[in-house]
């Protein structure tokens, strides 16, 4: 299977119009059934193939993805994905170049959906790097808006408008004085 081929198990759960950006599988030779990470434009999908045709698929929609931890070193790389509900998966022994591409695609997708700026930490080690990408929890608050009619204009603004009407000759001096007294009495 090539690096960007989508496993058959995942093709069945893709939504119409959902595009696969990249896919990556474990590269450890001893594993008969490797795990996969598939990045789409809407979510990250984790596929764990097991023996006897069994498998487990866990998806991480970008709006629910809380944290991505990524480390690469001399021999390979490792991903940890964590959802807001606490569900977490680990994926080790990935190709470094492909894993960096997956990390970049996930980072861009999270930034696109996050309401608040995401937190990115990068630690350069002696051999390799560590990345932490965290999306702040989004709090939805509902407020009841009570409508009290039109908001009152400031009296100073009303007086200026009244003076402008007098200057333009649209009202007489007597009308101006009468309206002015009404406005000043509201103070």
N, C-alpha and C. Protein backbone atom coordinates (compact mmCIF):
# COMPACT_ATOMS: atom_id res chain seq x y z
N UNK A 1 0.85 -1.18 0.00
CA UNK A 1 0.00 0.00 0.00
C UNK A 1 0.88 1.23 0.00
N UNK A 2 0.58 2.17 -0.90
CA UNK A 2 1.35 3.41 -0.97
C UNK A 2 1.04 4.32 0.19
N UNK A 3 1.85 5.35 0.30
CA UNK A 3 1.73 6.23 1.45
C UNK A 3 0.41 7.00 1.48
N UNK A 4 -0.18 7.31 0.31
CA UNK A 4 -1.40 8.09 0.30
C UNK A 4 -2.63 7.29 -0.11
N UNK A 5 -2.51 5.98 -0.17
CA UNK A 5 -3.68 5.16 -0.46
C UNK A 5 -4.55 5.10 0.79
N UNK A 6 -5.85 5.17 0.58
CA UNK A 6 -6.78 5.14 1.69
C UNK A 6 -7.22 3.69 1.90
N UNK A 7 -7.08 3.14 3.12
CA UNK A 7 -7.53 1.77 3.38
C UNK A 7 -9.03 1.63 3.11
N UNK A 8 -9.43 0.45 2.66
CA UNK A 8 -10.83 0.18 2.33
C UNK A 8 -11.76 0.43 3.52
N UNK A 9 -11.31 0.09 4.71
CA UNK A 9 -12.14 0.27 5.90
C UNK A 9 -12.50 1.74 6.11
N UNK A 10 -11.61 2.63 5.74
CA UNK A 10 -11.83 4.06 5.94
C UNK A 10 -12.69 4.64 4.83
N UNK A 11 -12.55 4.12 3.62
CA UNK A 11 -13.35 4.63 2.49
C UNK A 11 -14.84 4.57 2.79
N UNK A 12 -15.25 3.54 3.54
CA UNK A 12 -16.67 3.37 3.85
C UNK A 12 -17.23 4.40 4.82
N UNK A 13 -16.39 5.06 5.60
CA UNK A 13 -16.90 6.03 6.58
C UNK A 13 -16.70 7.48 6.16
N UNK A 14 -16.06 7.70 5.03
CA UNK A 14 -15.85 9.08 4.58
C UNK A 14 -17.18 9.69 4.16
N UNK A 15 -17.41 10.91 4.57
CA UNK A 15 -18.63 11.63 4.21
C UNK A 15 -18.53 12.08 2.75
N UNK A 16 -19.67 12.26 2.08
CA UNK A 16 -19.62 12.78 0.71
C UNK A 16 -18.92 14.14 0.69
N UNK A 17 -17.98 14.30 -0.20
CA UNK A 17 -17.24 15.55 -0.30
C UNK A 17 -16.06 15.67 0.64
N UNK A 18 -15.84 14.68 1.49
CA UNK A 18 -14.70 14.71 2.41
C UNK A 18 -13.45 14.26 1.66
N UNK A 19 -12.44 15.09 1.64
CA UNK A 19 -11.23 14.81 0.88
C UNK A 19 -10.10 14.36 1.79
N UNK A 20 -9.39 13.32 1.37
CA UNK A 20 -8.23 12.83 2.12
C UNK A 20 -7.03 13.69 1.74
N UNK A 21 -6.40 14.31 2.73
CA UNK A 21 -5.23 15.15 2.49
C UNK A 21 -3.95 14.33 2.50
N UNK A 22 -3.84 13.38 3.42
CA UNK A 22 -2.69 12.48 3.46
C UNK A 22 -3.01 11.30 4.36
N UNK A 23 -2.29 10.22 4.14
CA UNK A 23 -2.45 9.00 4.94
C UNK A 23 -1.06 8.43 5.21
N UNK A 24 -0.92 7.83 6.37
CA UNK A 24 0.39 7.32 6.77
C UNK A 24 0.19 6.04 7.58
N UNK A 25 1.06 5.06 7.38
CA UNK A 25 0.97 3.84 8.16
C UNK A 25 2.27 3.59 8.90
N UNK A 26 2.17 2.76 9.93
CA UNK A 26 3.35 2.39 10.69
C UNK A 26 4.33 1.68 9.76
N UNK A 27 5.61 1.87 10.01
CA UNK A 27 6.60 1.26 9.13
C UNK A 27 7.37 0.14 9.80
N UNK A 28 6.95 -0.29 10.95
CA UNK A 28 7.64 -1.35 11.67
C UNK A 28 7.41 -2.69 10.95
N UNK A 29 8.48 -3.35 10.57
CA UNK A 29 8.40 -4.58 9.77
C UNK A 29 7.75 -5.72 10.55
N UNK A 30 7.96 -5.81 11.83
CA UNK A 30 7.45 -6.91 12.64
C UNK A 30 5.93 -6.89 12.78
N UNK A 31 5.30 -5.77 12.48
CA UNK A 31 3.85 -5.68 12.63
C UNK A 31 3.16 -6.28 11.42
N UNK A 32 2.31 -7.27 11.67
CA UNK A 32 1.57 -7.88 10.58
C UNK A 32 0.42 -6.97 10.15
N UNK A 33 -0.20 -6.33 11.10
CA UNK A 33 -1.32 -5.43 10.83
C UNK A 33 -0.99 -4.03 11.35
N UNK A 34 -0.43 -3.19 10.52
CA UNK A 34 -0.03 -1.85 10.99
C UNK A 34 -1.22 -0.94 11.24
N UNK A 35 -0.98 0.11 11.99
CA UNK A 35 -1.98 1.13 12.26
C UNK A 35 -1.81 2.26 11.25
N UNK A 36 -2.87 3.01 11.03
CA UNK A 36 -2.86 4.09 10.06
C UNK A 36 -3.36 5.38 10.69
N UNK A 37 -2.90 6.48 10.14
CA UNK A 37 -3.46 7.79 10.46
C UNK A 37 -3.82 8.43 9.12
N UNK A 38 -5.09 8.81 8.99
CA UNK A 38 -5.59 9.40 7.75
C UNK A 38 -6.09 10.80 8.08
N UNK A 39 -5.60 11.78 7.36
CA UNK A 39 -5.99 13.18 7.60
C UNK A 39 -6.90 13.61 6.46
N UNK A 40 -8.11 14.04 6.81
CA UNK A 40 -9.03 14.58 5.81
C UNK A 40 -9.22 16.06 6.07
N UNK A 41 -10.03 16.69 5.25
CA UNK A 41 -10.29 18.11 5.45
C UNK A 41 -11.27 18.36 6.61
N UNK A 42 -11.87 17.30 7.18
CA UNK A 42 -12.83 17.47 8.28
C UNK A 42 -12.39 16.83 9.59
N UNK A 43 -11.48 15.85 9.51
CA UNK A 43 -11.11 15.11 10.73
C UNK A 43 -9.83 14.31 10.51
N UNK A 44 -9.34 13.76 11.63
CA UNK A 44 -8.22 12.82 11.60
C UNK A 44 -8.82 11.45 11.94
N UNK A 45 -8.47 10.45 11.16
CA UNK A 45 -9.01 9.11 11.37
C UNK A 45 -7.86 8.17 11.74
N UNK A 46 -8.07 7.41 12.80
CA UNK A 46 -7.10 6.43 13.27
C UNK A 46 -7.67 5.05 12.97
N UNK A 47 -6.90 4.22 12.29
CA UNK A 47 -7.33 2.86 11.95
C UNK A 47 -6.34 1.88 12.55
N UNK A 48 -6.87 0.95 13.33
CA UNK A 48 -6.06 -0.10 13.94
C UNK A 48 -6.57 -1.43 13.41
N UNK A 49 -5.87 -1.99 12.43
CA UNK A 49 -6.23 -3.30 11.89
C UNK A 49 -5.77 -4.37 12.86
N UNK A 50 -6.62 -5.37 13.03
CA UNK A 50 -6.30 -6.47 13.94
C UNK A 50 -6.36 -7.79 13.16
N UNK A 51 -6.03 -8.86 13.81
CA UNK A 51 -6.07 -10.18 13.17
C UNK A 51 -7.51 -10.62 12.91
N UNK A 52 -7.67 -11.56 12.00
CA UNK A 52 -8.96 -12.16 11.66
C UNK A 52 -9.96 -11.14 11.10
N UNK A 53 -9.47 -10.13 10.41
CA UNK A 53 -10.33 -9.15 9.75
C UNK A 53 -10.96 -8.11 10.65
N UNK A 54 -10.61 -8.10 11.91
CA UNK A 54 -11.17 -7.11 12.83
C UNK A 54 -10.40 -5.80 12.69
N UNK A 55 -11.05 -4.71 13.06
CA UNK A 55 -10.37 -3.42 13.07
C UNK A 55 -11.11 -2.45 13.98
N UNK A 56 -10.43 -1.38 14.32
CA UNK A 56 -11.01 -0.31 15.15
C UNK A 56 -10.72 1.01 14.46
N UNK A 57 -11.77 1.81 14.30
CA UNK A 57 -11.63 3.15 13.71
C UNK A 57 -12.07 4.17 14.75
N UNK A 58 -11.23 5.15 14.98
CA UNK A 58 -11.56 6.26 15.88
C UNK A 58 -11.32 7.54 15.10
N UNK A 59 -12.33 8.40 15.08
CA UNK A 59 -12.13 9.66 14.36
C UNK A 59 -12.03 10.82 15.34
N UNK A 60 -11.30 11.82 14.92
CA UNK A 60 -11.05 13.01 15.72
C UNK A 60 -11.44 14.23 14.89
N UNK A 61 -12.73 14.66 14.94
CA UNK A 61 -13.10 15.88 14.21
C UNK A 61 -12.27 17.05 14.74
N UNK A 62 -11.88 17.94 13.86
CA UNK A 62 -11.00 19.04 14.26
C UNK A 62 -11.64 19.91 15.34
N UNK A 63 -12.96 20.03 15.33
CA UNK A 63 -13.61 20.85 16.35
C UNK A 63 -13.54 20.19 17.72
N UNK A 64 -13.33 18.88 17.77
CA UNK A 64 -13.27 18.16 19.04
C UNK A 64 -11.85 17.73 19.41
N UNK A 65 -10.90 18.00 18.55
CA UNK A 65 -9.51 17.62 18.81
C UNK A 65 -8.91 18.61 19.79
N UNK A 66 -8.47 18.11 20.93
CA UNK A 66 -7.96 18.98 21.99
C UNK A 66 -6.45 19.17 21.89
N UNK A 67 -5.72 18.08 21.62
CA UNK A 67 -4.27 18.15 21.69
C UNK A 67 -3.62 17.16 20.73
N UNK A 68 -2.53 17.58 20.13
CA UNK A 68 -1.72 16.71 19.29
C UNK A 68 -0.30 16.79 19.83
N UNK A 69 0.28 15.63 20.13
CA UNK A 69 1.67 15.56 20.57
C UNK A 69 2.41 14.77 19.52
N UNK A 70 3.54 15.29 19.10
CA UNK A 70 4.31 14.65 18.04
C UNK A 70 5.79 14.72 18.39
N UNK A 71 6.47 13.58 18.21
CA UNK A 71 7.91 13.55 18.45
C UNK A 71 8.56 12.76 17.32
N UNK A 72 9.65 13.30 16.81
CA UNK A 72 10.43 12.50 15.88
C UNK A 72 11.88 12.53 16.28
N UNK A 73 12.53 11.44 16.01
CA UNK A 73 13.93 11.30 16.35
C UNK A 73 14.69 10.63 15.22
N UNK A 74 15.73 9.96 15.57
CA UNK A 74 16.60 9.35 14.57
C UNK A 74 15.94 8.15 13.89
N UNK A 75 15.16 7.37 14.64
CA UNK A 75 14.64 6.12 14.11
C UNK A 75 13.18 6.18 13.67
N UNK A 76 12.45 7.15 14.06
CA UNK A 76 11.05 7.21 13.68
C UNK A 76 10.34 8.32 14.42
N UNK A 77 9.03 8.30 14.33
CA UNK A 77 8.26 9.34 14.98
C UNK A 77 7.04 8.74 15.67
N UNK A 78 6.40 9.55 16.51
CA UNK A 78 5.28 9.09 17.32
C UNK A 78 4.24 10.21 17.40
N UNK A 79 2.97 9.84 17.26
CA UNK A 79 1.85 10.76 17.40
C UNK A 79 1.00 10.34 18.59
N UNK A 80 0.49 11.32 19.32
CA UNK A 80 -0.56 11.09 20.30
C UNK A 80 -1.65 12.12 20.00
N UNK A 81 -2.86 11.63 19.78
CA UNK A 81 -4.01 12.49 19.52
C UNK A 81 -4.96 12.38 20.70
N UNK A 82 -5.51 13.52 21.14
CA UNK A 82 -6.42 13.51 22.28
C UNK A 82 -7.63 14.37 21.96
N UNK A 83 -8.83 13.79 22.19
CA UNK A 83 -10.08 14.52 21.98
C UNK A 83 -10.48 15.25 23.26
N UNK A 84 -11.44 16.15 23.13
CA UNK A 84 -11.94 16.90 24.29
C UNK A 84 -12.60 15.99 25.31
N UNK A 85 -13.17 14.87 24.87
CA UNK A 85 -13.82 13.95 25.81
C UNK A 85 -12.84 13.01 26.51
N UNK A 86 -11.54 13.16 26.23
CA UNK A 86 -10.52 12.38 26.90
C UNK A 86 -10.02 11.17 26.12
N UNK A 87 -10.69 10.81 25.04
CA UNK A 87 -10.25 9.66 24.23
C UNK A 87 -8.90 9.97 23.61
N UNK A 88 -7.99 8.99 23.66
CA UNK A 88 -6.62 9.22 23.20
C UNK A 88 -6.13 8.00 22.43
N UNK A 89 -5.31 8.25 21.40
CA UNK A 89 -4.66 7.16 20.67
C UNK A 89 -3.19 7.51 20.47
N UNK A 90 -2.37 6.45 20.38
CA UNK A 90 -0.93 6.60 20.13
C UNK A 90 -0.59 5.87 18.86
N UNK A 91 0.31 6.42 18.10
CA UNK A 91 0.77 5.81 16.86
C UNK A 91 2.27 6.01 16.78
N UNK A 92 3.02 4.89 16.77
CA UNK A 92 4.48 4.96 16.76
C UNK A 92 5.05 4.40 15.47
N UNK A 93 6.35 4.57 15.29
CA UNK A 93 7.11 4.04 14.17
C UNK A 93 6.56 4.52 12.83
N UNK A 94 6.47 5.82 12.68
CA UNK A 94 6.04 6.42 11.42
C UNK A 94 7.24 7.00 10.69
N UNK A 95 7.15 7.07 9.37
CA UNK A 95 8.22 7.71 8.61
C UNK A 95 8.27 9.18 8.96
N UNK A 96 9.45 9.70 9.17
CA UNK A 96 9.63 11.08 9.63
C UNK A 96 9.05 12.09 8.63
N UNK A 97 9.38 11.95 7.35
CA UNK A 97 8.91 12.92 6.35
C UNK A 97 7.39 12.91 6.23
N UNK A 98 6.81 11.73 6.16
CA UNK A 98 5.36 11.63 6.08
C UNK A 98 4.68 12.14 7.33
N UNK A 99 5.29 11.88 8.49
CA UNK A 99 4.72 12.33 9.76
C UNK A 99 4.74 13.85 9.86
N UNK A 100 5.80 14.48 9.36
CA UNK A 100 5.85 15.95 9.36
C UNK A 100 4.76 16.53 8.47
N UNK A 101 4.49 15.87 7.35
CA UNK A 101 3.42 16.32 6.45
C UNK A 101 2.06 16.18 7.13
N UNK A 102 1.85 15.06 7.83
CA UNK A 102 0.61 14.85 8.57
C UNK A 102 0.46 15.91 9.66
N UNK A 103 1.52 16.18 10.39
CA UNK A 103 1.48 17.20 11.44
C UNK A 103 1.11 18.56 10.87
N UNK A 104 1.70 18.93 9.75
CA UNK A 104 1.42 20.22 9.13
C UNK A 104 -0.03 20.30 8.67
N UNK A 105 -0.56 19.22 8.09
CA UNK A 105 -1.96 19.20 7.65
C UNK A 105 -2.91 19.33 8.84
N UNK A 106 -2.61 18.64 9.94
CA UNK A 106 -3.45 18.72 11.14
C UNK A 106 -3.39 20.13 11.73
N UNK A 107 -2.20 20.70 11.81
CA UNK A 107 -2.04 22.05 12.37
C UNK A 107 -2.85 23.07 11.58
N UNK A 108 -2.76 23.02 10.26
CA UNK A 108 -3.51 23.97 9.42
C UNK A 108 -5.01 23.79 9.57
N UNK A 109 -5.46 22.54 9.64
CA UNK A 109 -6.89 22.27 9.77
C UNK A 109 -7.42 22.74 11.12
N UNK A 110 -6.66 22.53 12.19
CA UNK A 110 -7.10 22.98 13.52
C UNK A 110 -7.15 24.50 13.56
N UNK A 111 -6.16 25.17 12.98
CA UNK A 111 -6.15 26.63 12.95
C UNK A 111 -7.35 27.16 12.18
N UNK A 112 -7.78 26.44 11.15
CA UNK A 112 -8.91 26.89 10.35
C UNK A 112 -10.23 26.83 11.11
N UNK A 113 -10.39 25.86 12.02
CA UNK A 113 -11.66 25.72 12.73
C UNK A 113 -11.66 26.32 14.13
N UNK A 114 -10.49 26.59 14.69
CA UNK A 114 -10.42 27.08 16.07
C UNK A 114 -10.95 28.51 16.16
N UNK A 115 -11.75 28.75 17.18
CA UNK A 115 -12.29 30.08 17.43
C UNK A 115 -11.20 30.98 17.99
N UNK A 116 -10.44 30.45 18.93
CA UNK A 116 -9.34 31.19 19.53
C UNK A 116 -8.03 30.65 18.97
N UNK A 117 -6.95 31.41 19.02
CA UNK A 117 -5.67 30.93 18.50
C UNK A 117 -5.21 29.66 19.22
N UNK A 118 -4.63 28.75 18.45
CA UNK A 118 -4.14 27.51 19.05
C UNK A 118 -2.76 27.74 19.66
N UNK A 119 -2.40 26.87 20.58
CA UNK A 119 -1.11 26.96 21.24
C UNK A 119 -0.16 25.95 20.59
N UNK A 120 0.99 26.42 20.17
CA UNK A 120 1.98 25.54 19.56
C UNK A 120 3.28 25.66 20.34
N UNK A 121 3.77 24.52 20.80
CA UNK A 121 5.07 24.46 21.47
C UNK A 121 5.97 23.56 20.65
N UNK A 122 7.19 23.99 20.45
CA UNK A 122 8.15 23.18 19.70
C UNK A 122 9.43 23.12 20.52
N UNK A 123 9.90 21.91 20.78
CA UNK A 123 11.13 21.71 21.54
C UNK A 123 12.14 21.00 20.67
N UNK A 124 13.26 21.64 20.43
CA UNK A 124 14.36 21.04 19.66
C UNK A 124 15.21 20.25 20.62
N UNK A 125 15.38 18.97 20.33
CA UNK A 125 16.18 18.08 21.17
C UNK A 125 17.52 17.84 20.49
N UNK A 126 18.38 17.09 21.15
CA UNK A 126 19.67 16.75 20.57
C UNK A 126 19.49 15.97 19.27
N UNK A 127 18.61 14.99 19.31
CA UNK A 127 18.28 14.23 18.10
C UNK A 127 16.76 14.26 17.97
N UNK A 128 16.25 15.18 17.18
CA UNK A 128 14.82 15.23 16.93
C UNK A 128 14.14 16.45 17.51
N UNK A 129 12.82 16.42 17.44
CA UNK A 129 11.98 17.52 17.91
C UNK A 129 10.72 16.97 18.55
N UNK A 130 10.10 17.82 19.39
CA UNK A 130 8.80 17.53 19.98
C UNK A 130 7.88 18.70 19.68
N UNK A 131 6.66 18.40 19.30
CA UNK A 131 5.65 19.42 19.03
C UNK A 131 4.44 19.16 19.91
N UNK A 132 3.87 20.21 20.48
CA UNK A 132 2.60 20.16 21.19
C UNK A 132 1.68 21.17 20.53
N UNK A 133 0.56 20.71 20.04
CA UNK A 133 -0.44 21.61 19.46
C UNK A 133 -1.68 21.45 20.32
N UNK A 134 -2.11 22.55 20.93
CA UNK A 134 -3.28 22.51 21.81
C UNK A 134 -4.30 23.53 21.33
N UNK A 135 -5.53 23.08 21.30
CA UNK A 135 -6.63 23.97 20.96
C UNK A 135 -7.37 24.29 22.24
N UNK A 136 -7.56 25.58 22.55
CA UNK A 136 -8.27 25.91 23.79
C UNK A 136 -9.72 25.43 23.74
N UNK A 137 -10.24 25.06 24.88
CA UNK A 137 -11.64 24.65 24.95
C UNK A 137 -12.52 25.81 24.52
N UNK A 138 -13.49 25.49 23.69
CA UNK A 138 -14.41 26.52 23.23
C UNK A 138 -15.65 26.47 24.10
N UNK A 139 -15.95 27.57 24.72
CA UNK A 139 -17.09 27.64 25.62
C UNK A 139 -18.23 28.32 24.88
N UNK A 140 -19.35 27.63 24.83
CA UNK A 140 -20.53 28.20 24.19
C UNK A 140 -21.40 28.76 25.29
N UNK A 141 -21.65 30.03 25.24
CA UNK A 141 -22.52 30.64 26.25
C UNK A 141 -23.74 31.21 25.56
N UNK A 142 -24.84 31.08 26.23
CA UNK A 142 -26.09 31.60 25.69
C UNK A 142 -26.57 32.72 26.61
N UNK A 143 -26.90 33.82 26.03
CA UNK A 143 -27.38 34.95 26.81
C UNK A 143 -28.77 35.33 26.31
N UNK A 144 -29.65 35.66 27.24
CA UNK A 144 -30.98 36.10 26.88
C UNK A 144 -30.92 37.61 26.68
N UNK A 145 -31.29 38.03 25.50
CA UNK A 145 -31.25 39.45 25.18
C UNK A 145 -32.64 40.02 25.40
N UNK A 146 -32.73 41.01 26.26
CA UNK A 146 -34.00 41.68 26.49
C UNK A 146 -34.01 42.95 25.68
N UNK A 147 -35.00 43.06 24.82
CA UNK A 147 -35.08 44.22 23.94
C UNK A 147 -35.95 45.28 24.62
N UNK A 148 -35.43 46.44 24.82
CA UNK A 148 -36.14 47.50 25.53
C UNK A 148 -36.48 48.66 24.61
N UNK A 149 -36.75 48.37 23.37
CA UNK A 149 -37.05 49.44 22.43
C UNK A 149 -35.78 50.06 21.90
N UNK A 150 -35.93 51.20 21.27
CA UNK A 150 -34.76 51.87 20.70
C UNK A 150 -33.90 52.46 21.81
N UNK A 151 -32.60 52.37 21.70
CA UNK A 151 -31.75 52.96 22.73
C UNK A 151 -31.86 54.49 22.70
N UNK A 152 -31.86 55.07 23.88
CA UNK A 152 -31.94 56.53 24.01
C UNK A 152 -30.65 57.17 23.51
N UNK A 153 -30.82 58.18 22.68
CA UNK A 153 -29.66 58.93 22.24
C UNK A 153 -29.20 59.84 23.37
N UNK A 154 -27.95 60.11 23.42
CA UNK A 154 -27.40 61.02 24.40
C UNK A 154 -28.01 62.41 24.17
N UNK A 155 -28.30 63.11 25.25
CA UNK A 155 -28.94 64.43 25.15
C UNK A 155 -28.04 65.42 24.42
N UNK A 156 -26.74 65.31 24.62
CA UNK A 156 -25.81 66.21 23.92
C UNK A 156 -25.89 66.01 22.41
N UNK A 157 -26.06 64.76 21.98
CA UNK A 157 -26.18 64.47 20.54
C UNK A 157 -27.47 65.07 20.01
N UNK A 158 -28.55 64.92 20.78
CA UNK A 158 -29.84 65.48 20.35
C UNK A 158 -29.77 67.01 20.25
N UNK A 159 -29.08 67.63 21.22
CA UNK A 159 -28.94 69.09 21.17
C UNK A 159 -28.15 69.53 19.94
N UNK A 160 -27.11 68.79 19.59
CA UNK A 160 -26.33 69.12 18.39
C UNK A 160 -27.17 69.00 17.13
N UNK A 161 -28.00 67.95 17.08
CA UNK A 161 -28.86 67.75 15.91
C UNK A 161 -29.89 68.89 15.81
N UNK A 162 -30.41 69.25 16.96
CA UNK A 162 -31.39 70.34 17.00
C UNK A 162 -30.77 71.65 16.53
N UNK A 163 -29.54 71.92 16.96
CA UNK A 163 -28.81 73.13 16.55
C UNK A 163 -28.55 73.10 15.04
N UNK A 164 -28.23 71.91 14.51
CA UNK A 164 -27.99 71.78 13.07
C UNK A 164 -29.26 72.09 12.29
N UNK A 165 -30.41 71.65 12.81
CA UNK A 165 -31.68 71.95 12.14
C UNK A 165 -31.95 73.46 12.12
N UNK A 166 -31.63 74.13 13.22
CA UNK A 166 -31.80 75.58 13.30
C UNK A 166 -30.87 76.28 12.32
N UNK A 167 -29.61 75.85 12.27
CA UNK A 167 -28.63 76.47 11.38
C UNK A 167 -29.00 76.30 9.92
N UNK A 168 -29.64 75.18 9.59
CA UNK A 168 -30.03 74.93 8.20
C UNK A 168 -31.34 75.63 7.85
N UNK A 169 -31.98 76.20 8.85
CA UNK A 169 -33.23 76.93 8.62
C UNK A 169 -34.44 76.03 8.53
N UNK A 170 -34.36 74.82 9.01
CA UNK A 170 -35.48 73.89 8.93
C UNK A 170 -36.47 74.09 10.08
N UNK A 171 -36.02 74.69 11.18
CA UNK A 171 -36.91 75.04 12.29
C UNK A 171 -36.67 76.50 12.67
N UNK A 172 -37.67 77.08 13.31
CA UNK A 172 -37.55 78.48 13.73
C UNK A 172 -36.84 78.56 15.07
N UNK A 173 -36.48 79.81 15.45
CA UNK A 173 -35.80 80.04 16.72
C UNK A 173 -36.70 79.65 17.89
N UNK A 174 -38.00 79.91 17.77
CA UNK A 174 -38.94 79.56 18.83
C UNK A 174 -39.04 78.04 19.01
N UNK A 175 -39.12 77.31 17.88
CA UNK A 175 -39.19 75.85 17.95
C UNK A 175 -37.92 75.29 18.57
N UNK A 176 -36.78 75.88 18.19
CA UNK A 176 -35.50 75.45 18.74
C UNK A 176 -35.48 75.62 20.25
N UNK A 177 -35.89 76.80 20.75
CA UNK A 177 -35.88 77.07 22.19
C UNK A 177 -36.81 76.13 22.94
N UNK A 178 -37.98 75.85 22.35
CA UNK A 178 -38.95 74.96 22.99
C UNK A 178 -38.40 73.54 23.13
N UNK A 179 -37.85 73.00 22.03
CA UNK A 179 -37.28 71.64 22.05
C UNK A 179 -36.05 71.57 22.96
N UNK A 180 -35.27 72.63 22.96
CA UNK A 180 -34.07 72.67 23.79
C UNK A 180 -34.45 72.58 25.27
N UNK A 181 -35.48 73.33 25.68
CA UNK A 181 -35.94 73.30 27.07
C UNK A 181 -36.46 71.91 27.44
N UNK A 182 -37.16 71.24 26.50
CA UNK A 182 -37.66 69.88 26.76
C UNK A 182 -36.49 68.92 27.02
N UNK A 183 -35.45 69.01 26.17
CA UNK A 183 -34.30 68.13 26.32
C UNK A 183 -33.55 68.39 27.61
N UNK A 184 -33.37 69.66 27.95
CA UNK A 184 -32.64 70.01 29.17
C UNK A 184 -33.41 69.61 30.42
N UNK A 185 -34.74 69.57 30.33
CA UNK A 185 -35.54 69.17 31.49
C UNK A 185 -35.41 67.67 31.78
N UNK A 186 -34.96 66.89 30.79
CA UNK A 186 -34.77 65.44 30.98
C UNK A 186 -33.50 65.12 31.76
N UNK A 187 -32.63 66.11 31.93
CA UNK A 187 -31.38 65.88 32.66
C UNK A 187 -31.60 65.65 34.13
